Amino acid sequence: MWLLLDENLSKQLKQDFTEHEIFTVRDKGWNGIKNGELLKLMLADGFHALLTFNKNLQHQQNFEKYTLTVFVLNAEINQYKVLTKLSDKVKASLAAGDMLIGPIVIRQD
């Protein structure tokens, strides 16, 4: 599965998803690209899902138009030591194969 880490996430999260093809926005040279355009680029490049810390993305985009899964990591702070605790939930969703179109909010317990 092809995954993209949004620029608001630590690149360290790549190490949590070694069983997938995972790239950062920076890896792709897509820094500074707005969300709608980023989703278009992802579709064109064959990505399956975006991981982001942007809680507003789910309300700003029309996911009938962008047929991607977006994992919204919902935590108190945007630091690897906190976000890595959410990785198992994302991996469980990926392993289940029931990739929903649109946002899936992943919260801390």
PDB file of N, CA and C in Angstrom:
ATOM      1  N   MET A   1       0.844  -1.179   0.000  1.00  0.00           N
ATOM      2  CA  MET A   1       0.000   0.000   0.000  1.00  0.00           C
ATOM      3  C   MET A   1       0.891   1.245   0.000  1.00  0.00           C
ATOM      4  N   TRP A   2       0.493   2.258  -0.756  1.00  0.00           N
ATOM      5  CA  TRP A   2       1.251   3.502  -0.845  1.00  0.00           C
ATOM      6  C   TRP A   2       0.638   4.535   0.098  1.00  0.00           C
ATOM      7  N   LEU A   3       1.476   5.030   1.025  1.00  0.00           N
ATOM      8  CA  LEU A   3       1.038   5.997   2.028  1.00  0.00           C
ATOM      9  C   LEU A   3       1.862   7.269   1.905  1.00  0.00           C
ATOM     10  N   LEU A   4       1.222   8.389   2.228  1.00  0.00           N
ATOM     11  CA  LEU A   4       1.907   9.681   2.224  1.00  0.00           C
ATOM     12  C   LEU A   4       1.756  10.324   3.587  1.00  0.00           C
ATOM     13  N   LEU A   5       2.883  10.777   4.158  1.00  0.00           N
ATOM     14  CA  LEU A   5       2.867  11.544   5.407  1.00  0.00           C
ATOM     15  C   LEU A   5       2.787  13.017   5.055  1.00  0.00           C
ATOM     16  N   ASP A   6       1.787  13.689   5.575  1.00  0.00           N
ATOM     17  CA  ASP A   6       1.624  15.122   5.349  1.00  0.00           C
ATOM     18  C   ASP A   6       2.808  15.868   5.954  1.00  0.00           C
ATOM     19  N   GLU A   7       3.037  17.085   5.488  1.00  0.00           N
ATOM     20  CA  GLU A   7       4.193  17.838   5.963  1.00  0.00           C
ATOM     21  C   GLU A   7       4.068  18.261   7.423  1.00  0.00           C
ATOM     22  N   ASN A   8       2.891  18.096   8.024  1.00  0.00           N
ATOM     23  CA  ASN A   8       2.731  18.443   9.431  1.00  0.00           C
ATOM     24  C   ASN A   8       3.044  17.266  10.359  1.00  0.00           C
ATOM     25  N   LEU A   9       3.582  16.168   9.808  1.00  0.00           N
ATOM     26  CA  LEU A   9       3.952  15.002  10.608  1.00  0.00           C
ATOM     27  C   LEU A   9       5.458  14.782  10.566  1.00  0.00           C
ATOM     28  N   SER A  10       5.970  14.214  11.650  1.00  0.00           N
ATOM     29  CA  SER A  10       7.393  13.892  11.733  1.00  0.00           C
ATOM     30  C   SER A  10       7.738  12.793  10.742  1.00  0.00           C
ATOM     31  N   LYS A  11       8.850  12.967  10.030  1.00  0.00           N
ATOM     32  CA  LYS A  11       9.284  11.936   9.091  1.00  0.00           C
ATOM     33  C   LYS A  11       9.663  10.647   9.814  1.00  0.00           C
ATOM     34  N   GLN A  12       9.858  10.706  11.124  1.00  0.00           N
ATOM     35  CA  GLN A  12      10.150   9.505  11.907  1.00  0.00           C
ATOM     36  C   GLN A  12       9.020   8.483  11.820  1.00  0.00           C
ATOM     37  N   LEU A  13       7.794   8.939  11.549  1.00  0.00           N
ATOM     38  CA  LEU A  13       6.667   8.013  11.438  1.00  0.00           C
ATOM     39  C   LEU A  13       6.856   7.002  10.312  1.00  0.00           C
ATOM     40  N   LYS A  14       7.722   7.312   9.357  1.00  0.00           N
ATOM     41  CA  LYS A  14       7.988   6.361   8.268  1.00  0.00           C
ATOM     42  C   LYS A  14       8.451   5.021   8.829  1.00  0.00           C
ATOM     43  N   GLN A  15       9.225   5.054   9.897  1.00  0.00           N
ATOM     44  CA  GLN A  15       9.760   3.813  10.466  1.00  0.00           C
ATOM     45  C   GLN A  15       8.664   2.944  11.089  1.00  0.00           C
ATOM     46  N   ASP A  16       7.502   3.496  11.345  1.00  0.00           N
ATOM     47  CA  ASP A  16       6.384   2.729  11.900  1.00  0.00           C
ATOM     48  C   ASP A  16       5.627   1.942  10.836  1.00  0.00           C
ATOM     49  N   PHE A  17       5.878   2.223   9.563  1.00  0.00           N
ATOM     50  CA  PHE A  17       5.102   1.621   8.474  1.00  0.00           C
ATOM     51  C   PHE A  17       6.007   0.986   7.418  1.00  0.00           C
ATOM     52  N   THR A  18       7.011   0.267   7.855  1.00  0.00           N
ATOM     53  CA  THR A  18       8.001  -0.293   6.930  1.00  0.00           C
ATOM     54  C   THR A  18       7.419  -1.354   6.000  1.00  0.00           C
ATOM     55  N   GLU A  19       6.276  -1.905   6.360  1.00  0.00           N
ATOM     56  CA  GLU A  19       5.659  -2.927   5.501  1.00  0.00           C
ATOM     57  C   GLU A  19       4.912  -2.307   4.317  1.00  0.00           C
ATOM     58  N   HIS A  20       4.903  -0.990   4.234  1.00  0.00           N
ATOM     59  CA  HIS A  20       4.229  -0.267   3.153  1.00  0.00           C
ATOM     60  C   HIS A  20       5.225   0.634   2.433  1.00  0.00           C
ATOM     61  N   GLU A  21       4.842   1.059   1.232  1.00  0.00           N
ATOM     62  CA  GLU A  21       5.607   2.093   0.537  1.00  0.00           C
ATOM     63  C   GLU A  21       5.157   3.412   1.145  1.00  0.00           C
ATOM     64  N   ILE A  22       6.031   4.074   1.873  1.00  0.00           N
ATOM     65  CA  ILE A  22       5.633   5.308   2.556  1.00  0.00           C
ATOM     66  C   ILE A  22       6.591   6.431   2.206  1.00  0.00           C
ATOM     67  N   PHE A  23       5.997   7.567   1.900  1.00  0.00           N
ATOM     68  CA  PHE A  23       6.751   8.745   1.497  1.00  0.00           C
ATOM     69  C   PHE A  23       6.281   9.935   2.322  1.00  0.00           C
ATOM     70  N   THR A  24       7.135  10.931   2.431  1.00  0.00           N
ATOM     71  CA  THR A  24       6.719  12.203   3.016  1.00  0.00           C
ATOM     72  C   THR A  24       6.413  13.167   1.871  1.00  0.00           C
ATOM     73  N   VAL A  25       5.696  14.216   2.180  1.00  0.00           N
ATOM     74  CA  VAL A  25       5.440  15.270   1.197  1.00  0.00           C
ATOM     75  C   VAL A  25       6.774  15.797   0.677  1.00  0.00           C
ATOM     76  N   ARG A  26       7.744  15.934   1.565  1.00  0.00           N
ATOM     77  CA  ARG A  26       9.071  16.424   1.175  1.00  0.00           C
ATOM     78  C   ARG A  26       9.745  15.447   0.204  1.00  0.00           C
ATOM     79  N   ASP A  27       9.631  14.124   0.466  1.00  0.00           N
ATOM     80  CA  ASP A  27      10.213  13.126  -0.441  1.00  0.00           C
ATOM     81  C   ASP A  27       9.719  13.327  -1.871  1.00  0.00           C
ATOM     82  N   LYS A  28       8.453  13.664  -2.006  1.00  0.00           N
ATOM     83  CA  LYS A  28       7.835  13.820  -3.323  1.00  0.00           C
ATOM     84  C   LYS A  28       8.061  15.214  -3.922  1.00  0.00           C
ATOM     85  N   GLY A  29       8.618  16.142  -3.138  1.00  0.00           N
ATOM     86  CA  GLY A  29       8.819  17.507  -3.622  1.00  0.00           C
ATOM     87  C   GLY A  29       7.537  18.312  -3.651  1.00  0.00           C
ATOM     88  N   TRP A  30       6.583  17.949  -2.779  1.00  0.00           N
ATOM     89  CA  TRP A  30       5.273  18.580  -2.776  1.00  0.00           C
ATOM     90  C   TRP A  30       5.083  19.551  -1.606  1.00  0.00           C
ATOM     91  N   ASN A  31       6.159  20.029  -1.014  1.00  0.00           N
ATOM     92  CA  ASN A  31       6.061  20.976   0.107  1.00  0.00           C
ATOM     93  C   ASN A  31       5.259  22.199  -0.290  1.00  0.00           C
ATOM     94  N   GLY A  32       4.414  22.654   0.620  1.00  0.00           N
ATOM     95  CA  GLY A  32       3.667  23.883   0.416  1.00  0.00           C
ATOM     96  C   GLY A  32       2.459  23.766  -0.493  1.00  0.00           C
ATOM     97  N   ILE A  33       2.196  22.593  -1.029  1.00  0.00           N
ATOM     98  CA  ILE A  33       1.036  22.417  -1.910  1.00  0.00           C
ATOM     99  C   ILE A  33      -0.226  22.322  -1.063  1.00  0.00           C
ATOM    100  N   LYS A  34      -1.232  23.049  -1.444  1.00  0.00           N
ATOM    101  CA  LYS A  34      -2.505  23.078  -0.705  1.00  0.00           C
ATOM    102  C   LYS A  34      -3.203  21.729  -0.785  1.00  0.00           C
ATOM    103  N   ASN A  35      -4.068  21.464   0.185  1.00  0.00           N
ATOM    104  CA  ASN A  35      -4.670  20.141   0.353  1.00  0.00           C
ATOM    105  C   ASN A  35      -5.386  19.602  -0.888  1.00  0.00           C
ATOM    106  N   GLY A  36      -6.224  20.403  -1.533  1.00  0.00           N
ATOM    107  CA  GLY A  36      -6.946  19.922  -2.708  1.00  0.00           C
ATOM    108  C   GLY A  36      -6.002  19.490  -3.818  1.00  0.00           C
ATOM    109  N   GLU A  37      -4.990  20.280  -4.065  1.00  0.00           N
ATOM    110  CA  GLU A  37      -3.999  19.954  -5.093  1.00  0.00           C
ATOM    111  C   GLU A  37      -3.172  18.736  -4.671  1.00  0.00           C
ATOM    112  N   LEU A  38      -2.851  18.656  -3.381  1.00  0.00           N
ATOM    113  CA  LEU A  38      -2.095  17.510  -2.870  1.00  0.00           C
ATOM    114  C   LEU A  38      -2.872  16.210  -3.091  1.00  0.00           C
ATOM    115  N   LEU A  39      -4.161  16.234  -2.818  1.00  0.00           N
ATOM    116  CA  LEU A  39      -4.990  15.041  -3.016  1.00  0.00           C
ATOM    117  C   LEU A  39      -5.026  14.645  -4.493  1.00  0.00           C
ATOM    118  N   LYS A  40      -5.081  15.629  -5.387  1.00  0.00           N
ATOM    119  CA  LYS A  40      -5.046  15.339  -6.831  1.00  0.00           C
ATOM    120  C   LYS A  40      -3.731  14.667  -7.224  1.00  0.00           C
ATOM    121  N   LEU A  41      -2.630  15.201  -6.708  1.00  0.00           N
ATOM    122  CA  LEU A  41      -1.317  14.626  -7.007  1.00  0.00           C
ATOM    123  C   LEU A  41      -1.221  13.192  -6.478  1.00  0.00           C
ATOM    124  N   MET A  42      -1.767  12.971  -5.292  1.00  0.00           N
ATOM    125  CA  MET A  42      -1.748  11.631  -4.708  1.00  0.00           C
ATOM    126  C   MET A  42      -2.499  10.638  -5.589  1.00  0.00           C
ATOM    127  N   LEU A  43      -3.668  11.026  -6.059  1.00  0.00           N
ATOM    128  CA  LEU A  43      -4.450  10.156  -6.936  1.00  0.00           C
ATOM    129  C   LEU A  43      -3.684   9.850  -8.224  1.00  0.00           C
ATOM    130  N   ALA A  44      -3.090  10.867  -8.792  1.00  0.00           N
ATOM    131  CA  ALA A  44      -2.350  10.693 -10.041  1.00  0.00           C
ATOM    132  C   ALA A  44      -1.136   9.782  -9.859  1.00  0.00           C
ATOM    133  N   ASP A  45      -0.545   9.790  -8.657  1.00  0.00           N
ATOM    134  CA  ASP A  45       0.646   8.977  -8.381  1.00  0.00           C
ATOM    135  C   ASP A  45       0.314   7.589  -7.836  1.00  0.00           C
ATOM    136  N   GLY A  46      -0.957   7.307  -7.610  1.00  0.00           N
ATOM    137  CA  GLY A  46      -1.355   5.969  -7.168  1.00  0.00           C
ATOM    138  C   GLY A  46      -1.319   5.728  -5.673  1.00  0.00           C
ATOM    139  N   PHE A  47      -1.340   6.798  -4.896  1.00  0.00           N
ATOM    140  CA  PHE A  47      -1.354   6.631  -3.439  1.00  0.00           C
ATOM    141  C   PHE A  47      -2.715   6.107  -2.972  1.00  0.00           C
ATOM    142  N   HIS A  48      -2.689   5.413  -1.837  1.00  0.00           N
ATOM    143  CA  HIS A  48      -3.913   4.865  -1.246  1.00  0.00           C
ATOM    144  C   HIS A  48      -4.405   5.685  -0.056  1.00  0.00           C
ATOM    145  N   ALA A  49      -3.464   6.277   0.709  1.00  0.00           N
ATOM    146  CA  ALA A  49      -3.881   6.977   1.935  1.00  0.00           C
ATOM    147  C   ALA A  49      -2.905   8.077   2.301  1.00  0.00           C
ATOM    148  N   LEU A  50      -3.455   9.077   2.981  1.00  0.00           N
ATOM    149  CA  LEU A  50      -2.699  10.194   3.536  1.00  0.00           C
ATOM    150  C   LEU A  50      -2.800  10.116   5.046  1.00  0.00           C
ATOM    151  N   LEU A  51      -1.689  10.331   5.724  1.00  0.00           N
ATOM    152  CA  LEU A  51      -1.686  10.482   7.175  1.00  0.00           C
ATOM    153  C   LEU A  51      -1.418  11.949   7.452  1.00  0.00           C
ATOM    154  N   THR A  52      -2.252  12.559   8.291  1.00  0.00           N
ATOM    155  CA  THR A  52      -2.137  13.985   8.553  1.00  0.00           C
ATOM    156  C   THR A  52      -2.485  14.306   9.999  1.00  0.00           C
ATOM    157  N   PHE A  53      -2.050  15.470  10.432  1.00  0.00           N
ATOM    158  CA  PHE A  53      -2.417  16.003  11.743  1.00  0.00           C
ATOM    159  C   PHE A  53      -3.435  17.131  11.564  1.00  0.00           C
ATOM    160  N   ASN A  54      -3.793  17.429  10.328  1.00  0.00           N
ATOM    161  CA  ASN A  54      -4.704  18.523   9.990  1.00  0.00           C
ATOM    162  C   ASN A  54      -6.146  18.099  10.262  1.00  0.00           C
ATOM    163  N   LYS A  55      -6.666  18.511  11.396  1.00  0.00           N
ATOM    164  CA  LYS A  55      -8.019  18.118  11.799  1.00  0.00           C
ATOM    165  C   LYS A  55      -9.104  18.800  10.963  1.00  0.00           C
ATOM    166  N   ASN A  56      -8.775  19.861  10.266  1.00  0.00           N
ATOM    167  CA  ASN A  56      -9.748  20.578   9.444  1.00  0.00           C
ATOM    168  C   ASN A  56      -9.892  19.997   8.045  1.00  0.00           C
ATOM    169  N   LEU A  57      -8.932  19.215   7.607  1.00  0.00           N
ATOM    170  CA  LEU A  57      -8.953  18.664   6.250  1.00  0.00           C
ATOM    171  C   LEU A  57     -10.251  17.921   5.963  1.00  0.00           C
ATOM    172  N   GLN A  58     -10.728  17.184   6.946  1.00  0.00           N
ATOM    173  CA  GLN A  58     -11.948  16.389   6.750  1.00  0.00           C
ATOM    174  C   GLN A  58     -13.174  17.252   6.474  1.00  0.00           C
ATOM    175  N   HIS A  59     -13.128  18.517   6.868  1.00  0.00           N
ATOM    176  CA  HIS A  59     -14.256  19.425   6.654  1.00  0.00           C
ATOM    177  C   HIS A  59     -14.049  20.330   5.437  1.00  0.00           C
ATOM    178  N   GLN A  60     -12.814  20.361   4.930  1.00  0.00           N
ATOM    179  CA  GLN A  60     -12.481  21.289   3.851  1.00  0.00           C
ATOM    180  C   GLN A  60     -12.537  20.669   2.457  1.00  0.00           C
ATOM    181  N   GLN A  61     -12.518  19.332   2.382  1.00  0.00           N
ATOM    182  CA  GLN A  61     -12.415  18.684   1.078  1.00  0.00           C
ATOM    183  C   GLN A  61     -13.646  17.832   0.774  1.00  0.00           C
ATOM    184  N   ASN A  62     -13.938  17.714  -0.502  1.00  0.00           N
ATOM    185  CA  ASN A  62     -15.040  16.900  -0.986  1.00  0.00           C
ATOM    186  C   ASN A  62     -14.491  15.511  -1.312  1.00  0.00           C
ATOM    187  N   PHE A  63     -14.772  14.532  -0.446  1.00  0.00           N
ATOM    188  CA  PHE A  63     -14.188  13.211  -0.640  1.00  0.00           C
ATOM    189  C   PHE A  63     -14.966  12.348  -1.621  1.00  0.00           C
ATOM    190  N   GLU A  64     -16.004  12.873  -2.220  1.00  0.00           N
ATOM    191  CA  GLU A  64     -16.607  12.193  -3.368  1.00  0.00           C
ATOM    192  C   GLU A  64     -15.711  12.428  -4.581  1.00  0.00           C
ATOM    193  N   LYS A  65     -15.005  13.541  -4.549  1.00  0.00           N
ATOM    194  CA  LYS A  65     -14.110  13.927  -5.633  1.00  0.00           C
ATOM    195  C   LYS A  65     -12.726  13.281  -5.478  1.00  0.00           C
ATOM    196  N   TYR A  66     -12.257  13.169  -4.248  1.00  0.00           N
ATOM    197  CA  TYR A  66     -10.937  12.608  -3.957  1.00  0.00           C
ATOM    198  C   TYR A  66     -11.121  11.254  -3.282  1.00  0.00           C
ATOM    199  N   THR A  67     -11.006  10.201  -4.020  1.00  0.00           N
ATOM    200  CA  THR A  67     -11.295   8.864  -3.515  1.00  0.00           C
ATOM    201  C   THR A  67     -10.080   8.265  -2.806  1.00  0.00           C
ATOM    202  N   LEU A  68      -9.716   8.892  -1.705  1.00  0.00           N
ATOM    203  CA  LEU A  68      -8.578   8.465  -0.898  1.00  0.00           C
ATOM    204  C   LEU A  68      -9.014   8.296   0.554  1.00  0.00           C
ATOM    205  N   THR A  69      -8.259   7.496   1.276  1.00  0.00           N
ATOM    206  CA  THR A  69      -8.429   7.407   2.716  1.00  0.00           C
ATOM    207  C   THR A  69      -7.496   8.424   3.349  1.00  0.00           C
ATOM    208  N   VAL A  70      -8.001   9.157   4.330  1.00  0.00           N
ATOM    209  CA  VAL A  70      -7.184  10.125   5.049  1.00  0.00           C
ATOM    210  C   VAL A  70      -7.246   9.781   6.535  1.00  0.00           C
ATOM    211  N   PHE A  71      -6.110   9.379   7.087  1.00  0.00           N
ATOM    212  CA  PHE A  71      -6.020   9.115   8.511  1.00  0.00           C
ATOM    213  C   PHE A  71      -5.661  10.417   9.217  1.00  0.00           C
ATOM    214  N   VAL A  72      -6.591  10.922  10.013  1.00  0.00           N
ATOM    215  CA  VAL A  72      -6.371  12.149  10.774  1.00  0.00           C
ATOM    216  C   VAL A  72      -5.905  11.733  12.162  1.00  0.00           C
ATOM    217  N   LEU A  73      -4.628  11.963  12.453  1.00  0.00           N
ATOM    218  CA  LEU A  73      -4.073  11.595  13.750  1.00  0.00           C
ATOM    219  C   LEU A  73      -4.442  12.670  14.761  1.00  0.00           C
ATOM    220  N   ASN A  74      -5.235  12.295  15.733  1.00  0.00           N
ATOM    221  CA  ASN A  74      -5.776  13.244  16.699  1.00  0.00           C
ATOM    222  C   ASN A  74      -5.107  13.004  18.049  1.00  0.00           C
ATOM    223  N   ALA A  75      -4.199  13.891  18.419  1.00  0.00           N
ATOM    224  CA  ALA A  75      -3.467  13.791  19.674  1.00  0.00           C
ATOM    225  C   ALA A  75      -3.289  15.193  20.239  1.00  0.00           C
ATOM    226  N   GLU A  76      -2.853  15.246  21.483  1.00  0.00           N
ATOM    227  CA  GLU A  76      -2.666  16.546  22.148  1.00  0.00           C
ATOM    228  C   GLU A  76      -1.585  17.381  21.476  1.00  0.00           C
ATOM    229  N   ILE A  77      -0.495  16.723  21.087  1.00  0.00           N
ATOM    230  CA  ILE A  77       0.617  17.432  20.456  1.00  0.00           C
ATOM    231  C   ILE A  77       1.099  16.662  19.244  1.00  0.00           C
ATOM    232  N   ASN A  78       1.762  17.363  18.370  1.00  0.00           N
ATOM    233  CA  ASN A  78       2.241  16.807  17.113  1.00  0.00           C
ATOM    234  C   ASN A  78       3.722  16.439  17.244  1.00  0.00           C
ATOM    235  N   GLN A  79       4.001  15.442  18.063  1.00  0.00           N
ATOM    236  CA  GLN A  79       5.372  14.975  18.242  1.00  0.00           C
ATOM    237  C   GLN A  79       5.411  13.466  18.055  1.00  0.00           C
ATOM    238  N   TYR A  80       6.516  12.986  17.503  1.00  0.00           N
ATOM    239  CA  TYR A  80       6.636  11.565  17.207  1.00  0.00           C
ATOM    240  C   TYR A  80       6.348  10.698  18.424  1.00  0.00           C
ATOM    241  N   LYS A  81       6.896  11.061  19.584  1.00  0.00           N
ATOM    242  CA  LYS A  81       6.730  10.207  20.770  1.00  0.00           C
ATOM    243  C   LYS A  81       5.256  10.026  21.148  1.00  0.00           C
ATOM    244  N   VAL A  82       4.400  10.942  20.737  1.00  0.00           N
ATOM    245  CA  VAL A  82       2.958  10.830  20.989  1.00  0.00           C
ATOM    246  C   VAL A  82       2.267  10.149  19.805  1.00  0.00           C
ATOM    247  N   LEU A  83       2.572  10.588  18.605  1.00  0.00           N
ATOM    248  CA  LEU A  83       1.897  10.073  17.415  1.00  0.00           C
ATOM    249  C   LEU A  83       2.218   8.614  17.127  1.00  0.00           C
ATOM    250  N   THR A  84       3.401   8.158  17.495  1.00  0.00           N
ATOM    251  CA  THR A  84       3.761   6.758  17.257  1.00  0.00           C
ATOM    252  C   THR A  84       2.810   5.810  17.986  1.00  0.00           C
ATOM    253  N   LYS A  85       2.210   6.268  19.053  1.00  0.00           N
ATOM    254  CA  LYS A  85       1.252   5.448  19.811  1.00  0.00           C
ATOM    255  C   LYS A  85      -0.032   5.201  19.022  1.00  0.00           C
ATOM    256  N   LEU A  86      -0.261   5.980  17.974  1.00  0.00           N
ATOM    257  CA  LEU A  86      -1.447   5.817  17.133  1.00  0.00           C
ATOM    258  C   LEU A  86      -1.176   4.909  15.925  1.00  0.00           C
ATOM    259  N   SER A  87       0.081   4.619  15.679  1.00  0.00           N
ATOM    260  CA  SER A  87       0.462   3.861  14.483  1.00  0.00           C
ATOM    261  C   SER A  87      -0.184   2.481  14.429  1.00  0.00           C
ATOM    262  N   ASP A  88      -0.286   1.795  15.554  1.00  0.00           N
ATOM    263  CA  ASP A  88      -0.893   0.455  15.545  1.00  0.00           C
ATOM    264  C   ASP A  88      -2.353   0.502  15.105  1.00  0.00           C
ATOM    265  N   LYS A  89      -3.056   1.565  15.459  1.00  0.00           N
ATOM    266  CA  LYS A  89      -4.464   1.695  15.033  1.00  0.00           C
ATOM    267  C   LYS A  89      -4.550   1.911  13.523  1.00  0.00           C
ATOM    268  N   VAL A  90      -3.644   2.700  12.993  1.00  0.00           N
ATOM    269  CA  VAL A  90      -3.610   2.918  11.545  1.00  0.00           C
ATOM    270  C   VAL A  90      -3.275   1.604  10.851  1.00  0.00           C
ATOM    271  N   LYS A  91      -2.264   0.888  11.354  1.00  0.00           N
ATOM    272  CA  LYS A  91      -1.862  -0.382  10.745  1.00  0.00           C
ATOM    273  C   LYS A  91      -2.984  -1.411  10.805  1.00  0.00           C
ATOM    274  N   ALA A  92      -3.744  -1.425  11.887  1.00  0.00           N
ATOM    275  CA  ALA A  92      -4.869  -2.361  11.997  1.00  0.00           C
ATOM    276  C   ALA A  92      -5.913  -2.066  10.931  1.00  0.00           C
ATOM    277  N   SER A  93      -6.178  -0.799  10.706  1.00  0.00           N
ATOM    278  CA  SER A  93      -7.141  -0.413   9.672  1.00  0.00           C
ATOM    279  C   SER A  93      -6.624  -0.792   8.284  1.00  0.00           C
ATOM    280  N   LEU A  94      -5.353  -0.580   8.039  1.00  0.00           N
ATOM    281  CA  LEU A  94      -4.754  -0.948   6.757  1.00  0.00           C
ATOM    282  C   LEU A  94      -4.796  -2.460   6.554  1.00  0.00           C
ATOM    283  N   ALA A  95      -4.502  -3.216   7.593  1.00  0.00           N
ATOM    284  CA  ALA A  95      -4.480  -4.678   7.502  1.00  0.00           C
ATOM    285  C   ALA A  95      -5.874  -5.254   7.277  1.00  0.00           C
ATOM    286  N   ALA A  96      -6.891  -4.599   7.832  1.00  0.00           N
ATOM    287  CA  ALA A  96      -8.264  -5.080   7.682  1.00  0.00           C
ATOM    288  C   ALA A  96      -8.741  -4.960   6.239  1.00  0.00           C
ATOM    289  N   GLY A  97      -8.099  -4.065   5.481  1.00  0.00           N
ATOM    290  CA  GLY A  97      -8.438  -3.926   4.073  1.00  0.00           C
ATOM    291  C   GLY A  97      -9.721  -3.171   3.797  1.00  0.00           C
ATOM    292  N   ASP A  98     -10.351  -2.661   4.842  1.00  0.00           N
ATOM    293  CA  ASP A  98     -11.601  -1.917   4.636  1.00  0.00           C
ATOM    294  C   ASP A  98     -11.305  -0.421   4.582  1.00  0.00           C
ATOM    295  N   MET A  99     -10.599  -0.038   3.527  1.00  0.00           N
ATOM    296  CA  MET A  99     -10.190   1.345   3.364  1.00  0.00           C
ATOM    297  C   MET A  99     -11.387   2.183   2.943  1.00  0.00           C
ATOM    298  N   LEU A 100     -11.844   2.996   3.851  1.00  0.00           N
ATOM    299  CA  LEU A 100     -12.965   3.882   3.576  1.00  0.00           C
ATOM    300  C   LEU A 100     -12.485   5.091   2.797  1.00  0.00           C
ATOM    301  N   ILE A 101     -13.347   5.628   1.986  1.00  0.00           N
ATOM    302  CA  ILE A 101     -13.041   6.875   1.278  1.00  0.00           C
ATOM    303  C   ILE A 101     -13.304   8.016   2.244  1.00  0.00           C
ATOM    304  N   GLY A 102     -12.332   8.908   2.352  1.00  0.00           N
ATOM    305  CA  GLY A 102     -12.484  10.059   3.227  1.00  0.00           C
ATOM    306  C   GLY A 102     -11.754   9.889   4.546  1.00  0.00           C
ATOM    307  N   PRO A 103     -12.090  10.738   5.504  1.00  0.00           N
ATOM    308  CA  PRO A 103     -11.333  10.780   6.750  1.00  0.00           C
ATOM    309  C   PRO A 103     -11.685   9.664   7.730  1.00  0.00           C
ATOM    310  N   ILE A 104     -10.652   9.164   8.368  1.00  0.00           N
ATOM    311  CA  ILE A 104     -10.769   8.247   9.503  1.00  0.00           C
ATOM    312  C   ILE A 104      -9.987   8.895  10.623  1.00  0.00           C
ATOM    313  N   VAL A 105     -10.660   9.294  11.674  1.00  0.00           N
ATOM    314  CA  VAL A 105      -9.982   9.957  12.801  1.00  0.00           C
ATOM    315  C   VAL A 105      -9.435   8.887  13.731  1.00  0.00           C
ATOM    316  N   ILE A 106      -8.133   8.965  13.983  1.00  0.00           N
ATOM    317  CA  ILE A 106      -7.447   8.022  14.877  1.00  0.00           C
ATOM    318  C   ILE A 106      -7.123   8.789  16.166  1.00  0.00           C
ATOM    319  N   ARG A 107      -7.730   8.359  17.270  1.00  0.00           N
ATOM    320  CA  ARG A 107      -7.576   9.056  18.550  1.00  0.00           C
ATOM    321  C   ARG A 107      -6.775   8.224  19.543  1.00  0.00           C
ATOM    322  N   GLN A 108      -6.201   8.943  20.503  1.00  0.00           N
ATOM    323  CA  GLN A 108      -5.558   8.285  21.628  1.00  0.00           C
ATOM    324  C   GLN A 108      -6.635   7.658  22.512  1.00  0.00           C
ATOM    325  N   ASP A 109      -6.273   6.575  23.181  1.00  0.00           N
ATOM    326  CA  ASP A 109      -7.228   5.963  24.123  1.00  0.00           C
ATOM    327  C   ASP A 109      -7.332   6.775  25.383  1.00  0.00           C
TER     328      ASP A 109
END
